[in-house]
Amino acid sequence: MSKYYYLDVSLDFAEPYETEITGVYFKKNIVSAVNQLFGEVAAAVNIDILKYNSANRRAVLRVPKTHYIKLRSSLTLCGKFEGHPCAYTVHKATPLLLALQGDSRDYTY
């Protein structure tokens, strides 16, 4: 089995937010959310952004399997991005990176 968990995550705002968010600020907000909920030890874990699209604020994250639940709960409870109300949506979560590639619901026969 894999040592990591992969998440397909997007950041949505309650009100229009026109400023472009880079991958660095996206990750900073995620690490800050983990830090607020679980402290500095949990926030020190490697959370990698494998792919990021700034146009729709969507990313593929990689986190060690042992810290998946902490990251997922931090994303669920995070409600602000630089003072603006927001919410993270986890579209998919899997221990296999290849599982993020395709979706049987989108397959045409």
PDB file of N, CA and C in Angstrom:
ATOM      1  N   MET A   1       0.833  -1.187   0.000  1.00  0.00           N
ATOM      2  CA  MET A   1       0.000   0.000   0.000  1.00  0.00           C
ATOM      3  C   MET A   1       0.876   1.248   0.000  1.00  0.00           C
ATOM      4  N   SER A   2       0.317   2.319  -0.381  1.00  0.00           N
ATOM      5  CA  SER A   2       1.039   3.582  -0.512  1.00  0.00           C
ATOM      6  C   SER A   2       1.303   4.223   0.852  1.00  0.00           C
ATOM      7  N   LYS A   3       2.408   4.957   0.938  1.00  0.00           N
ATOM      8  CA  LYS A   3       2.724   5.694   2.161  1.00  0.00           C
ATOM      9  C   LYS A   3       2.007   7.034   2.209  1.00  0.00           C
ATOM     10  N   TYR A   4       1.425   7.431   1.084  1.00  0.00           N
ATOM     11  CA  TYR A   4       0.812   8.753   0.971  1.00  0.00           C
ATOM     12  C   TYR A   4      -0.673   8.671   0.657  1.00  0.00           C
ATOM     13  N   TYR A   5      -1.331   9.779   0.881  1.00  0.00           N
ATOM     14  CA  TYR A   5      -2.724   9.961   0.470  1.00  0.00           C
ATOM     15  C   TYR A   5      -2.747  11.170  -0.455  1.00  0.00           C
ATOM     16  N   TYR A   6      -3.558  11.096  -1.478  1.00  0.00           N
ATOM     17  CA  TYR A   6      -3.665  12.164  -2.475  1.00  0.00           C
ATOM     18  C   TYR A   6      -5.065  12.754  -2.432  1.00  0.00           C
ATOM     19  N   LEU A   7      -5.144  14.069  -2.477  1.00  0.00           N
ATOM     20  CA  LEU A   7      -6.436  14.755  -2.414  1.00  0.00           C
ATOM     21  C   LEU A   7      -6.562  15.736  -3.573  1.00  0.00           C
ATOM     22  N   ASP A   8      -7.718  15.738  -4.186  1.00  0.00           N
ATOM     23  CA  ASP A   8      -8.060  16.720  -5.208  1.00  0.00           C
ATOM     24  C   ASP A   8      -8.929  17.762  -4.515  1.00  0.00           C
ATOM     25  N   VAL A   9      -8.389  18.964  -4.339  1.00  0.00           N
ATOM     26  CA  VAL A   9      -9.006  19.982  -3.487  1.00  0.00           C
ATOM     27  C   VAL A   9      -9.182  21.286  -4.261  1.00  0.00           C
ATOM     28  N   SER A  10     -10.288  21.979  -3.993  1.00  0.00           N
ATOM     29  CA  SER A  10     -10.461  23.323  -4.553  1.00  0.00           C
ATOM     30  C   SER A  10     -10.864  24.286  -3.443  1.00  0.00           C
ATOM     31  N   LEU A  11     -10.560  25.549  -3.663  1.00  0.00           N
ATOM     32  CA  LEU A  11     -10.870  26.609  -2.709  1.00  0.00           C
ATOM     33  C   LEU A  11     -11.974  27.478  -3.290  1.00  0.00           C
ATOM     34  N   ASP A  12     -13.073  27.598  -2.556  1.00  0.00           N
ATOM     35  CA  ASP A  12     -14.228  28.375  -3.003  1.00  0.00           C
ATOM     36  C   ASP A  12     -14.491  29.502  -2.012  1.00  0.00           C
ATOM     37  N   PHE A  13     -14.908  30.645  -2.537  1.00  0.00           N
ATOM     38  CA  PHE A  13     -15.202  31.805  -1.706  1.00  0.00           C
ATOM     39  C   PHE A  13     -16.696  32.088  -1.686  1.00  0.00           C
ATOM     40  N   ALA A  14     -17.170  32.622  -0.561  1.00  0.00           N
ATOM     41  CA  ALA A  14     -18.584  32.984  -0.430  1.00  0.00           C
ATOM     42  C   ALA A  14     -18.902  34.208  -1.283  1.00  0.00           C
ATOM     43  N   GLU A  15     -17.960  35.140  -1.358  1.00  0.00           N
ATOM     44  CA  GLU A  15     -18.117  36.345  -2.170  1.00  0.00           C
ATOM     45  C   GLU A  15     -17.052  36.324  -3.265  1.00  0.00           C
ATOM     46  N   PRO A  16     -17.267  37.046  -4.347  1.00  0.00           N
ATOM     47  CA  PRO A  16     -16.253  37.069  -5.412  1.00  0.00           C
ATOM     48  C   PRO A  16     -14.891  37.522  -4.879  1.00  0.00           C
ATOM     49  N   TYR A  17     -13.868  36.782  -5.237  1.00  0.00           N
ATOM     50  CA  TYR A  17     -12.492  37.086  -4.830  1.00  0.00           C
ATOM     51  C   TYR A  17     -11.659  37.126  -6.104  1.00  0.00           C
ATOM     52  N   GLU A  18     -11.324  38.317  -6.546  1.00  0.00           N
ATOM     53  CA  GLU A  18     -10.697  38.517  -7.851  1.00  0.00           C
ATOM     54  C   GLU A  18      -9.179  38.348  -7.846  1.00  0.00           C
ATOM     55  N   THR A  19      -8.545  38.441  -6.701  1.00  0.00           N
ATOM     56  CA  THR A  19      -7.093  38.350  -6.633  1.00  0.00           C
ATOM     57  C   THR A  19      -6.637  36.934  -6.959  1.00  0.00           C
ATOM     58  N   GLU A  20      -5.617  36.825  -7.801  1.00  0.00           N
ATOM     59  CA  GLU A  20      -5.091  35.508  -8.146  1.00  0.00           C
ATOM     60  C   GLU A  20      -4.336  34.932  -6.951  1.00  0.00           C
ATOM     61  N   ILE A  21      -4.581  33.672  -6.675  1.00  0.00           N
ATOM     62  CA  ILE A  21      -3.928  32.991  -5.559  1.00  0.00           C
ATOM     63  C   ILE A  21      -2.870  32.058  -6.135  1.00  0.00           C
ATOM     64  N   THR A  22      -1.631  32.285  -5.762  1.00  0.00           N
ATOM     65  CA  THR A  22      -0.545  31.426  -6.233  1.00  0.00           C
ATOM     66  C   THR A  22      -0.503  30.149  -5.397  1.00  0.00           C
ATOM     67  N   GLY A  23       0.259  29.177  -5.876  1.00  0.00           N
ATOM     68  CA  GLY A  23       0.409  27.925  -5.152  1.00  0.00           C
ATOM     69  C   GLY A  23       1.019  28.102  -3.777  1.00  0.00           C
ATOM     70  N   VAL A  24       1.892  29.091  -3.645  1.00  0.00           N
ATOM     71  CA  VAL A  24       2.543  29.362  -2.354  1.00  0.00           C
ATOM     72  C   VAL A  24       1.516  29.815  -1.319  1.00  0.00           C
ATOM     73  N   TYR A  25       0.636  30.740  -1.699  1.00  0.00           N
ATOM     74  CA  TYR A  25      -0.387  31.221  -0.767  1.00  0.00           C
ATOM     75  C   TYR A  25      -1.447  30.155  -0.495  1.00  0.00           C
ATOM     76  N   PHE A  26      -1.726  29.329  -1.491  1.00  0.00           N
ATOM     77  CA  PHE A  26      -2.664  28.219  -1.315  1.00  0.00           C
ATOM     78  C   PHE A  26      -2.134  27.264  -0.239  1.00  0.00           C
ATOM     79  N   LYS A  27      -0.862  26.893  -0.369  1.00  0.00           N
ATOM     80  CA  LYS A  27      -0.255  25.988   0.607  1.00  0.00           C
ATOM     81  C   LYS A  27      -0.126  26.650   1.974  1.00  0.00           C
ATOM     82  N   LYS A  28       0.219  27.926   1.990  1.00  0.00           N
ATOM     83  CA  LYS A  28       0.353  28.651   3.257  1.00  0.00           C
ATOM     84  C   LYS A  28      -0.949  28.618   4.040  1.00  0.00           C
ATOM     85  N   ASN A  29      -2.059  28.783   3.356  1.00  0.00           N
ATOM     86  CA  ASN A  29      -3.352  28.763   4.029  1.00  0.00           C
ATOM     87  C   ASN A  29      -3.681  27.368   4.560  1.00  0.00           C
ATOM     88  N   ILE A  30      -3.315  26.338   3.819  1.00  0.00           N
ATOM     89  CA  ILE A  30      -3.555  24.964   4.269  1.00  0.00           C
ATOM     90  C   ILE A  30      -2.712  24.653   5.503  1.00  0.00           C
ATOM     91  N   VAL A  31      -1.436  25.004   5.460  1.00  0.00           N
ATOM     92  CA  VAL A  31      -0.552  24.765   6.608  1.00  0.00           C
ATOM     93  C   VAL A  31      -1.030  25.563   7.812  1.00  0.00           C
ATOM     94  N   SER A  32      -1.494  26.776   7.589  1.00  0.00           N
ATOM     95  CA  SER A  32      -2.031  27.602   8.670  1.00  0.00           C
ATOM     96  C   SER A  32      -3.278  26.966   9.285  1.00  0.00           C
ATOM     97  N   ALA A  33      -4.127  26.372   8.458  1.00  0.00           N
ATOM     98  CA  ALA A  33      -5.332  25.704   8.967  1.00  0.00           C
ATOM     99  C   ALA A  33      -4.968  24.498   9.828  1.00  0.00           C
ATOM    100  N   VAL A  34      -3.965  23.729   9.392  1.00  0.00           N
ATOM    101  CA  VAL A  34      -3.505  22.578  10.191  1.00  0.00           C
ATOM    102  C   VAL A  34      -2.895  23.067  11.494  1.00  0.00           C
ATOM    103  N   ASN A  35      -2.129  24.146  11.438  1.00  0.00           N
ATOM    104  CA  ASN A  35      -1.494  24.716  12.625  1.00  0.00           C
ATOM    105  C   ASN A  35      -2.532  25.189  13.638  1.00  0.00           C
ATOM    106  N   GLN A  36      -3.579  25.841  13.184  1.00  0.00           N
ATOM    107  CA  GLN A  36      -4.619  26.333  14.092  1.00  0.00           C
ATOM    108  C   GLN A  36      -5.334  25.198  14.803  1.00  0.00           C
ATOM    109  N   LEU A  37      -5.558  24.108  14.094  1.00  0.00           N
ATOM    110  CA  LEU A  37      -6.338  23.014  14.667  1.00  0.00           C
ATOM    111  C   LEU A  37      -5.491  22.038  15.484  1.00  0.00           C
ATOM    112  N   PHE A  38      -4.275  21.739  15.015  1.00  0.00           N
ATOM    113  CA  PHE A  38      -3.471  20.689  15.649  1.00  0.00           C
ATOM    114  C   PHE A  38      -2.115  21.143  16.180  1.00  0.00           C
ATOM    115  N   GLY A  39      -1.726  22.384  15.932  1.00  0.00           N
ATOM    116  CA  GLY A  39      -0.467  22.880  16.463  1.00  0.00           C
ATOM    117  C   GLY A  39       0.690  22.762  15.489  1.00  0.00           C
ATOM    118  N   GLU A  40       1.849  23.226  15.945  1.00  0.00           N
ATOM    119  CA  GLU A  40       3.022  23.326  15.082  1.00  0.00           C
ATOM    120  C   GLU A  40       3.610  21.981  14.693  1.00  0.00           C
ATOM    121  N   VAL A  41       3.482  20.980  15.546  1.00  0.00           N
ATOM    122  CA  VAL A  41       4.043  19.666  15.224  1.00  0.00           C
ATOM    123  C   VAL A  41       3.325  19.070  14.021  1.00  0.00           C
ATOM    124  N   ALA A  42       2.015  19.151  13.999  1.00  0.00           N
ATOM    125  CA  ALA A  42       1.246  18.631  12.865  1.00  0.00           C
ATOM    126  C   ALA A  42       1.475  19.476  11.619  1.00  0.00           C
ATOM    127  N   ALA A  43       1.664  20.779  11.790  1.00  0.00           N
ATOM    128  CA  ALA A  43       1.875  21.667  10.648  1.00  0.00           C
ATOM    129  C   ALA A  43       3.253  21.475  10.015  1.00  0.00           C
ATOM    130  N   ALA A  44       4.169  20.828  10.730  1.00  0.00           N
ATOM    131  CA  ALA A  44       5.508  20.592  10.201  1.00  0.00           C
ATOM    132  C   ALA A  44       5.562  19.420   9.229  1.00  0.00           C
ATOM    133  N   VAL A  45       4.487  18.671   9.104  1.00  0.00           N
ATOM    134  CA  VAL A  45       4.432  17.526   8.196  1.00  0.00           C
ATOM    135  C   VAL A  45       4.464  18.022   6.749  1.00  0.00           C
ATOM    136  N   ASN A  46       5.120  17.262   5.891  1.00  0.00           N
ATOM    137  CA  ASN A  46       5.196  17.641   4.478  1.00  0.00           C
ATOM    138  C   ASN A  46       3.840  17.499   3.804  1.00  0.00           C
ATOM    139  N   ILE A  47       3.313  18.607   3.343  1.00  0.00           N
ATOM    140  CA  ILE A  47       2.116  18.627   2.514  1.00  0.00           C
ATOM    141  C   ILE A  47       2.579  19.166   1.168  1.00  0.00           C
ATOM    142  N   ASP A  48       2.559  18.317   0.166  1.00  0.00           N
ATOM    143  CA  ASP A  48       3.080  18.693  -1.141  1.00  0.00           C
ATOM    144  C   ASP A  48       1.944  19.030  -2.094  1.00  0.00           C
ATOM    145  N   ILE A  49       2.140  20.065  -2.883  1.00  0.00           N
ATOM    146  CA  ILE A  49       1.214  20.378  -3.968  1.00  0.00           C
ATOM    147  C   ILE A  49       1.829  19.801  -5.235  1.00  0.00           C
ATOM    148  N   LEU A  50       1.211  18.752  -5.757  1.00  0.00           N
ATOM    149  CA  LEU A  50       1.726  18.112  -6.957  1.00  0.00           C
ATOM    150  C   LEU A  50       1.305  18.853  -8.219  1.00  0.00           C
ATOM    151  N   LYS A  51       0.115  19.426  -8.181  1.00  0.00           N
ATOM    152  CA  LYS A  51      -0.413  20.152  -9.339  1.00  0.00           C
ATOM    153  C   LYS A  51      -1.319  21.251  -8.816  1.00  0.00           C
ATOM    154  N   TYR A  52      -1.230  22.430  -9.421  1.00  0.00           N
ATOM    155  CA  TYR A  52      -2.073  23.539  -8.990  1.00  0.00           C
ATOM    156  C   TYR A  52      -2.535  24.346 -10.191  1.00  0.00           C
ATOM    157  N   ASN A  53      -3.816  24.671 -10.217  1.00  0.00           N
ATOM    158  CA  ASN A  53      -4.402  25.506 -11.263  1.00  0.00           C
ATOM    159  C   ASN A  53      -4.918  26.773 -10.595  1.00  0.00           C
ATOM    160  N   SER A  54      -4.255  27.892 -10.858  1.00  0.00           N
ATOM    161  CA  SER A  54      -4.636  29.140 -10.191  1.00  0.00           C
ATOM    162  C   SER A  54      -5.935  29.718 -10.741  1.00  0.00           C
ATOM    163  N   ALA A  55      -6.320  29.342 -11.955  1.00  0.00           N
ATOM    164  CA  ALA A  55      -7.551  29.883 -12.551  1.00  0.00           C
ATOM    165  C   ALA A  55      -8.791  29.430 -11.788  1.00  0.00           C
ATOM    166  N   ASN A  56      -8.834  28.149 -11.425  1.00  0.00           N
ATOM    167  CA  ASN A  56      -9.997  27.661 -10.669  1.00  0.00           C
ATOM    168  C   ASN A  56      -9.640  27.285  -9.234  1.00  0.00           C
ATOM    169  N   ARG A  57      -8.430  27.643  -8.807  1.00  0.00           N
ATOM    170  CA  ARG A  57      -7.971  27.409  -7.427  1.00  0.00           C
ATOM    171  C   ARG A  57      -8.153  25.946  -7.015  1.00  0.00           C
ATOM    172  N   ARG A  58      -7.635  25.059  -7.830  1.00  0.00           N
ATOM    173  CA  ARG A  58      -7.760  23.626  -7.582  1.00  0.00           C
ATOM    174  C   ARG A  58      -6.374  22.997  -7.571  1.00  0.00           C
ATOM    175  N   ALA A  59      -6.158  22.056  -6.635  1.00  0.00           N
ATOM    176  CA  ALA A  59      -4.838  21.454  -6.479  1.00  0.00           C
ATOM    177  C   ALA A  59      -4.945  19.973  -6.165  1.00  0.00           C
ATOM    178  N   VAL A  60      -3.859  19.271  -6.473  1.00  0.00           N
ATOM    179  CA  VAL A  60      -3.692  17.885  -6.042  1.00  0.00           C
ATOM    180  C   VAL A  60      -2.647  17.913  -4.943  1.00  0.00           C
ATOM    181  N   LEU A  61      -3.039  17.468  -3.756  1.00  0.00           N
ATOM    182  CA  LEU A  61      -2.159  17.476  -2.591  1.00  0.00           C
ATOM    183  C   LEU A  61      -1.685  16.068  -2.275  1.00  0.00           C
ATOM    184  N   ARG A  62      -0.471  15.966  -1.722  1.00  0.00           N
ATOM    185  CA  ARG A  62       0.047  14.687  -1.235  1.00  0.00           C
ATOM    186  C   ARG A  62       0.440  14.874   0.219  1.00  0.00           C
ATOM    187  N   VAL A  63      -0.021  13.958   1.052  1.00  0.00           N
ATOM    188  CA  VAL A  63       0.264  14.024   2.481  1.00  0.00           C
ATOM    189  C   VAL A  63       0.576  12.606   2.962  1.00  0.00           C
ATOM    190  N   PRO A  64       1.475  12.453   3.944  1.00  0.00           N
ATOM    191  CA  PRO A  64       1.708  11.118   4.487  1.00  0.00           C
ATOM    192  C   PRO A  64       0.407  10.515   5.028  1.00  0.00           C
ATOM    193  N   LYS A  65       0.257   9.234   4.824  1.00  0.00           N
ATOM    194  CA  LYS A  65      -0.972   8.522   5.195  1.00  0.00           C
ATOM    195  C   LYS A  65      -1.334   8.723   6.669  1.00  0.00           C
ATOM    196  N   THR A  66      -0.328   8.838   7.517  1.00  0.00           N
ATOM    197  CA  THR A  66      -0.571   8.988   8.954  1.00  0.00           C
ATOM    198  C   THR A  66      -1.182  10.339   9.316  1.00  0.00           C
ATOM    199  N   HIS A  67      -1.085  11.318   8.426  1.00  0.00           N
ATOM    200  CA  HIS A  67      -1.602  12.662   8.711  1.00  0.00           C
ATOM    201  C   HIS A  67      -2.786  13.046   7.834  1.00  0.00           C
ATOM    202  N   TYR A  68      -3.313  12.079   7.099  1.00  0.00           N
ATOM    203  CA  TYR A  68      -4.436  12.357   6.197  1.00  0.00           C
ATOM    204  C   TYR A  68      -5.652  12.896   6.944  1.00  0.00           C
ATOM    205  N   ILE A  69      -6.003  12.290   8.058  1.00  0.00           N
ATOM    206  CA  ILE A  69      -7.207  12.695   8.799  1.00  0.00           C
ATOM    207  C   ILE A  69      -7.042  14.107   9.350  1.00  0.00           C
ATOM    208  N   LYS A  70      -5.854  14.439   9.805  1.00  0.00           N
ATOM    209  CA  LYS A  70      -5.614  15.798  10.311  1.00  0.00           C
ATOM    210  C   LYS A  70      -5.758  16.831   9.198  1.00  0.00           C
ATOM    211  N   LEU A  71      -5.213  16.524   8.032  1.00  0.00           N
ATOM    212  CA  LEU A  71      -5.335  17.457   6.910  1.00  0.00           C
ATOM    213  C   LEU A  71      -6.786  17.589   6.478  1.00  0.00           C
ATOM    214  N   ARG A  72      -7.474  16.473   6.370  1.00  0.00           N
ATOM    215  CA  ARG A  72      -8.872  16.505   5.914  1.00  0.00           C
ATOM    216  C   ARG A  72      -9.748  17.299   6.884  1.00  0.00           C
ATOM    217  N   SER A  73      -9.570  17.089   8.171  1.00  0.00           N
ATOM    218  CA  SER A  73     -10.376  17.833   9.145  1.00  0.00           C
ATOM    219  C   SER A  73     -10.003  19.315   9.156  1.00  0.00           C
ATOM    220  N   SER A  74      -8.738  19.633   8.951  1.00  0.00           N
ATOM    221  CA  SER A  74      -8.322  21.037   8.888  1.00  0.00           C
ATOM    222  C   SER A  74      -8.927  21.740   7.682  1.00  0.00           C
ATOM    223  N   LEU A  75      -8.977  21.052   6.547  1.00  0.00           N
ATOM    224  CA  LEU A  75      -9.593  21.627   5.354  1.00  0.00           C
ATOM    225  C   LEU A  75     -11.088  21.831   5.556  1.00  0.00           C
ATOM    226  N   THR A  76     -11.714  20.894   6.237  1.00  0.00           N
ATOM    227  CA  THR A  76     -13.153  20.988   6.480  1.00  0.00           C
ATOM    228  C   THR A  76     -13.486  22.173   7.385  1.00  0.00           C
ATOM    229  N   LEU A  77     -12.673  22.401   8.399  1.00  0.00           N
ATOM    230  CA  LEU A  77     -12.969  23.445   9.377  1.00  0.00           C
ATOM    231  C   LEU A  77     -12.377  24.813   9.031  1.00  0.00           C
ATOM    232  N   CYS A  78     -11.560  24.883   8.006  1.00  0.00           N
ATOM    233  CA  CYS A  78     -10.981  26.170   7.603  1.00  0.00           C
ATOM    234  C   CYS A  78     -12.074  27.034   6.988  1.00  0.00           C
ATOM    235  N   GLY A  79     -12.228  28.248   7.499  1.00  0.00           N
ATOM    236  CA  GLY A  79     -13.299  29.115   7.025  1.00  0.00           C
ATOM    237  C   GLY A  79     -12.854  30.465   6.509  1.00  0.00           C
ATOM    238  N   LYS A  80     -11.533  30.722   6.506  1.00  0.00           N
ATOM    239  CA  LYS A  80     -11.054  32.039   6.073  1.00  0.00           C
ATOM    240  C   LYS A  80      -9.786  31.905   5.241  1.00  0.00           C
ATOM    241  N   PHE A  81      -9.679  32.774   4.261  1.00  0.00           N
ATOM    242  CA  PHE A  81      -8.446  32.950   3.498  1.00  0.00           C
ATOM    243  C   PHE A  81      -8.137  34.434   3.515  1.00  0.00           C
ATOM    244  N   GLU A  82      -7.115  34.822   4.263  1.00  0.00           N
ATOM    245  CA  GLU A  82      -6.728  36.226   4.429  1.00  0.00           C
ATOM    246  C   GLU A  82      -7.923  37.103   4.785  1.00  0.00           C
ATOM    247  N   GLY A  83      -8.748  36.625   5.704  1.00  0.00           N
ATOM    248  CA  GLY A  83      -9.885  37.395   6.197  1.00  0.00           C
ATOM    249  C   GLY A  83     -11.156  37.264   5.388  1.00  0.00           C
ATOM    250  N   HIS A  84     -11.111  36.563   4.275  1.00  0.00           N
ATOM    251  CA  HIS A  84     -12.300  36.385   3.434  1.00  0.00           C
ATOM    252  C   HIS A  84     -12.913  35.010   3.697  1.00  0.00           C
ATOM    253  N   PRO A  85     -14.242  34.927   3.852  1.00  0.00           N
ATOM    254  CA  PRO A  85     -14.887  33.627   4.084  1.00  0.00           C
ATOM    255  C   PRO A  85     -14.673  32.690   2.895  1.00  0.00           C
ATOM    256  N   CYS A  86     -14.289  31.455   3.208  1.00  0.00           N
ATOM    257  CA  CYS A  86     -14.023  30.482   2.149  1.00  0.00           C
ATOM    258  C   CYS A  86     -14.332  29.078   2.640  1.00  0.00           C
ATOM    259  N   ALA A  87     -14.258  28.140   1.730  1.00  0.00           N
ATOM    260  CA  ALA A  87     -14.435  26.727   2.063  1.00  0.00           C
ATOM    261  C   ALA A  87     -13.605  25.894   1.098  1.00  0.00           C
ATOM    262  N   TYR A  88     -12.991  24.854   1.616  1.00  0.00           N
ATOM    263  CA  TYR A  88     -12.279  23.902   0.772  1.00  0.00           C
ATOM    264  C   TYR A  88     -13.233  22.774   0.417  1.00  0.00           C
ATOM    265  N   THR A  89     -13.203  22.375  -0.839  1.00  0.00           N
ATOM    266  CA  THR A  89     -13.991  21.239  -1.300  1.00  0.00           C
ATOM    267  C   THR A  89     -13.024  20.132  -1.681  1.00  0.00           C
ATOM    268  N   VAL A  90     -13.189  18.961  -1.068  1.00  0.00           N
ATOM    269  CA  VAL A  90     -12.371  17.806  -1.419  1.00  0.00           C
ATOM    270  C   VAL A  90     -13.166  17.003  -2.446  1.00  0.00           C
ATOM    271  N   HIS A  91     -12.701  17.019  -3.689  1.00  0.00           N
ATOM    272  CA  HIS A  91     -13.405  16.334  -4.768  1.00  0.00           C
ATOM    273  C   HIS A  91     -13.135  14.834  -4.739  1.00  0.00           C
ATOM    274  N   LYS A  92     -11.883  14.478  -4.490  1.00  0.00           N
ATOM    275  CA  LYS A  92     -11.494  13.067  -4.414  1.00  0.00           C
ATOM    276  C   LYS A  92     -10.366  12.928  -3.408  1.00  0.00           C
ATOM    277  N   ALA A  93     -10.320  11.769  -2.776  1.00  0.00           N
ATOM    278  CA  ALA A  93      -9.214  11.435  -1.882  1.00  0.00           C
ATOM    279  C   ALA A  93      -8.933   9.950  -2.048  1.00  0.00           C
ATOM    280  N   THR A  94      -7.662   9.606  -2.224  1.00  0.00           N
ATOM    281  CA  THR A  94      -7.312   8.224  -2.510  1.00  0.00           C
ATOM    282  C   THR A  94      -5.855   7.948  -2.133  1.00  0.00           C
ATOM    283  N   PRO A  95      -5.534   6.701  -1.784  1.00  0.00           N
ATOM    284  CA  PRO A  95      -4.132   6.357  -1.550  1.00  0.00           C
ATOM    285  C   PRO A  95      -3.371   6.085  -2.853  1.00  0.00           C
ATOM    286  N   LEU A  96      -4.073   6.052  -3.982  1.00  0.00           N
ATOM    287  CA  LEU A  96      -3.450   5.779  -5.274  1.00  0.00           C
ATOM    288  C   LEU A  96      -3.564   7.002  -6.181  1.00  0.00           C
ATOM    289  N   LEU A  97      -2.440   7.529  -6.596  1.00  0.00           N
ATOM    290  CA  LEU A  97      -2.431   8.725  -7.430  1.00  0.00           C
ATOM    291  C   LEU A  97      -3.155   8.499  -8.750  1.00  0.00           C
ATOM    292  N   LEU A  98      -3.041   7.316  -9.296  1.00  0.00           N
ATOM    293  CA  LEU A  98      -3.675   7.008 -10.572  1.00  0.00           C
ATOM    294  C   LEU A  98      -5.197   7.109 -10.499  1.00  0.00           C
ATOM    295  N   ALA A  99      -5.759   6.906  -9.327  1.00  0.00           N
ATOM    296  CA  ALA A  99      -7.216   6.982  -9.163  1.00  0.00           C
ATOM    297  C   ALA A  99      -7.746   8.401  -9.377  1.00  0.00           C
ATOM    298  N   LEU A 100      -6.904   9.404  -9.250  1.00  0.00           N
ATOM    299  CA  LEU A 100      -7.337  10.778  -9.493  1.00  0.00           C
ATOM    300  C   LEU A 100      -7.445  11.081 -10.984  1.00  0.00           C
ATOM    301  N   GLN A 101      -6.787  10.269 -11.795  1.00  0.00           N
ATOM    302  CA  GLN A 101      -6.741  10.518 -13.231  1.00  0.00           C
ATOM    303  C   GLN A 101      -8.101  10.369 -13.901  1.00  0.00           C
ATOM    304  N   GLY A 102      -8.790   9.280 -13.632  1.00  0.00           N
ATOM    305  CA  GLY A 102     -10.037   9.011 -14.342  1.00  0.00           C
ATOM    306  C   GLY A 102     -11.212   8.876 -13.413  1.00  0.00           C
ATOM    307  N   ASP A 103     -12.383   9.017 -13.998  1.00  0.00           N
ATOM    308  CA  ASP A 103     -13.622   8.872 -13.247  1.00  0.00           C
ATOM    309  C   ASP A 103     -14.587   8.059 -14.096  1.00  0.00           C
ATOM    310  N   SER A 104     -15.091   6.980 -13.565  1.00  0.00           N
ATOM    311  CA  SER A 104     -15.991   6.121 -14.330  1.00  0.00           C
ATOM    312  C   SER A 104     -17.288   6.831 -14.697  1.00  0.00           C
ATOM    313  N   ARG A 105     -17.617   7.881 -13.997  1.00  0.00           N
ATOM    314  CA  ARG A 105     -18.842   8.625 -14.313  1.00  0.00           C
ATOM    315  C   ARG A 105     -18.692   9.453 -15.585  1.00  0.00           C
ATOM    316  N   ASP A 106     -17.471   9.785 -15.925  1.00  0.00           N
ATOM    317  CA  ASP A 106     -17.219  10.582 -17.124  1.00  0.00           C
ATOM    318  C   ASP A 106     -16.932   9.726 -18.357  1.00  0.00           C
ATOM    319  N   TYR A 107     -16.827   8.439 -18.180  1.00  0.00           N
ATOM    320  CA  TYR A 107     -16.473   7.553 -19.285  1.00  0.00           C
ATOM    321  C   TYR A 107     -17.630   7.418 -20.267  1.00  0.00           C
ATOM    322  N   THR A 108     -17.333   7.555 -21.555  1.00  0.00           N
ATOM    323  CA  THR A 108     -18.368   7.372 -22.576  1.00  0.00           C
ATOM    324  C   THR A 108     -18.139   6.042 -23.272  1.00  0.00           C
ATOM    325  N   TYR A 109     -19.186   5.289 -23.424  1.00  0.00           N
ATOM    326  CA  TYR A 109     -19.102   3.953 -24.031  1.00  0.00           C
ATOM    327  C   TYR A 109     -19.233   4.026 -25.528  1.00  0.00           C
TER     328      TYR A 109
END
